Amino acid sequence: RAQAWEAMARVAAAQKQGAQALEFMEHAFAEVRGFEVPPVLWSLHATTAQVHLRLGNLASCEEHCQQAAAGLRHIASSFGQNDPLRESLLGALKKLETDFHRELENARIAGAGD
């Protein structure tokens, strides 16, 4: 059910309904509270970071991005050194960090021009 809330949050965010998207993400996190589900949590944090970025909440965006990255790192560490899944997850981690870093910098530059 967390992923359904996340999907609704993505739709709301795409429709520029940021407050509604954050509310949906709160429901998503509530669905997994008390459970150890790193594959779901990293995705929820990545989506929440995107919503905060769209709203200009850069500190919250960065916090959720770091939590998403930590989740991916945790999942990758559960595989063997040479496991292709580990390599794939580490590649996804690098892309996540690179993309969010670029988007945060662009948002900061745009904010400085206001």
Protein backbone atom coordinates (compact mmCIF):
# COMPACT_ATOMS: atom_id res chain seq x y z
CA ARG A 1 0.00 0.00 0.00
CA ALA A 2 2.93 2.33 0.55
CA GLN A 3 3.73 2.18 -3.14
CA ALA A 4 0.15 3.12 -4.02
CA TRP A 5 0.41 6.22 -1.82
CA GLU A 6 3.76 6.98 -3.44
CA ALA A 7 2.21 6.72 -6.91
CA MET A 8 -0.56 9.10 -5.90
CA ALA A 9 2.08 11.50 -4.54
CA ARG A 10 3.93 11.41 -7.88
CA VAL A 11 0.72 12.27 -9.71
CA ALA A 12 -0.07 15.10 -7.29
CA ALA A 13 3.47 16.45 -7.65
CA ALA A 14 3.22 16.33 -11.44
CA GLN A 15 -0.01 18.32 -11.16
CA LYS A 16 1.85 20.88 -9.00
CA GLN A 17 -0.11 19.93 -5.88
CA GLY A 18 2.89 19.78 -3.57
CA ALA A 19 1.04 19.89 -0.27
CA GLN A 20 -1.19 17.02 -1.39
CA ALA A 21 1.87 15.07 -2.57
CA LEU A 22 3.54 15.46 0.84
CA GLU A 23 0.35 14.33 2.56
CA PHE A 24 0.29 11.21 0.38
CA MET A 25 3.94 10.55 1.24
CA GLU A 26 3.11 10.79 4.95
CA HIS A 27 0.55 8.03 4.38
CA ALA A 28 3.15 5.98 2.49
CA PHE A 29 5.64 6.24 5.35
CA ALA A 30 2.90 5.36 7.85
CA GLU A 31 2.25 2.12 5.93
CA VAL A 32 5.82 0.91 6.45
CA ARG A 33 6.42 2.27 9.96
CA GLY A 34 7.65 -0.55 12.17
CA PHE A 35 8.76 -2.72 9.26
CA GLU A 36 12.26 -3.23 7.85
CA VAL A 37 11.70 -2.73 4.11
CA PRO A 38 14.76 -0.97 2.65
CA PRO A 39 13.70 -1.47 -1.00
CA VAL A 40 10.49 0.46 -0.31
CA LEU A 41 11.99 3.05 2.03
CA TRP A 42 14.72 4.26 -0.30
CA SER A 43 12.12 4.84 -3.02
CA LEU A 44 9.80 6.68 -0.64
CA HIS A 45 12.66 8.94 0.45
CA ALA A 46 13.67 9.61 -3.16
CA THR A 47 10.11 10.58 -4.09
CA THR A 48 9.76 12.77 -0.98
CA ALA A 49 13.05 14.48 -1.88
CA GLN A 50 11.68 15.24 -5.36
CA VAL A 51 8.49 16.72 -3.92
CA HIS A 52 10.46 18.92 -1.50
CA LEU A 53 12.70 20.02 -4.36
CA ARG A 54 9.67 21.11 -6.39
CA LEU A 55 8.39 23.04 -3.40
CA GLY A 56 11.74 24.72 -2.83
CA ASN A 57 12.28 23.01 0.53
CA LEU A 58 15.94 22.36 -0.20
CA ALA A 59 16.99 21.28 3.30
CA SER A 60 14.21 18.69 3.45
CA CYS A 61 15.05 17.59 -0.07
CA GLU A 62 18.67 17.05 0.88
CA GLU A 63 17.71 15.16 4.05
CA HIS A 64 15.45 12.74 2.16
CA CYS A 65 18.02 12.34 -0.60
CA GLN A 66 20.61 11.32 2.00
CA GLN A 67 18.16 8.84 3.50
CA ALA A 68 17.40 7.39 0.04
CA ALA A 69 21.14 7.05 -0.63
CA ALA A 70 21.69 5.38 2.73
CA GLY A 71 18.90 2.94 1.95
CA LEU A 72 20.42 2.02 -1.41
CA ARG A 73 23.84 1.66 0.23
CA HIS A 74 22.31 -0.67 2.85
CA ILE A 75 20.65 -2.83 0.21
CA ALA A 76 23.84 -3.00 -1.90
CA SER A 77 25.86 -4.07 1.14
CA SER A 78 23.65 -7.14 1.53
CA PHE A 79 25.06 -8.59 -1.72
CA GLY A 80 28.51 -10.08 -2.29
CA GLN A 81 31.42 -7.94 -3.54
CA ASN A 82 31.18 -9.19 -7.13
CA ASP A 83 27.44 -9.69 -7.32
CA PRO A 84 25.93 -7.98 -10.39
CA LEU A 85 22.97 -6.78 -8.30
CA ARG A 86 25.36 -5.01 -5.94
CA GLU A 87 27.03 -3.30 -8.90
CA SER A 88 23.64 -2.30 -10.31
CA LEU A 89 22.53 -0.85 -6.98
CA LEU A 90 25.79 1.06 -6.57
CA GLY A 91 25.28 2.46 -10.09
CA ALA A 92 21.77 3.54 -9.13
CA LEU A 93 23.18 5.12 -5.96
CA LYS A 94 25.75 7.10 -7.93
CA LYS A 95 23.05 8.30 -10.37
CA LEU A 96 20.73 9.27 -7.51
CA GLU A 97 23.43 11.27 -5.76
CA THR A 98 24.64 12.91 -8.98
CA ASP A 99 21.15 13.84 -10.15
CA PHE A 100 20.04 15.23 -6.79
CA HIS A 101 23.29 17.15 -6.33
CA ARG A 102 22.83 18.76 -9.74
CA GLU A 103 19.15 19.53 -9.13
CA LEU A 104 19.85 21.00 -5.68
CA GLU A 105 22.63 23.20 -7.07
CA ASN A 106 20.36 24.38 -9.89
CA ALA A 107 17.62 25.18 -7.37
CA ARG A 108 20.05 27.09 -5.17
CA ILE A 109 21.31 29.09 -8.15
CA ALA A 110 17.74 29.82 -9.27
CA GLY A 111 16.85 30.86 -5.71
CA ALA A 112 19.83 33.18 -5.52
CA GLY A 113 18.59 34.98 -8.61
CA ASP A 114 15.20 35.74 -7.06
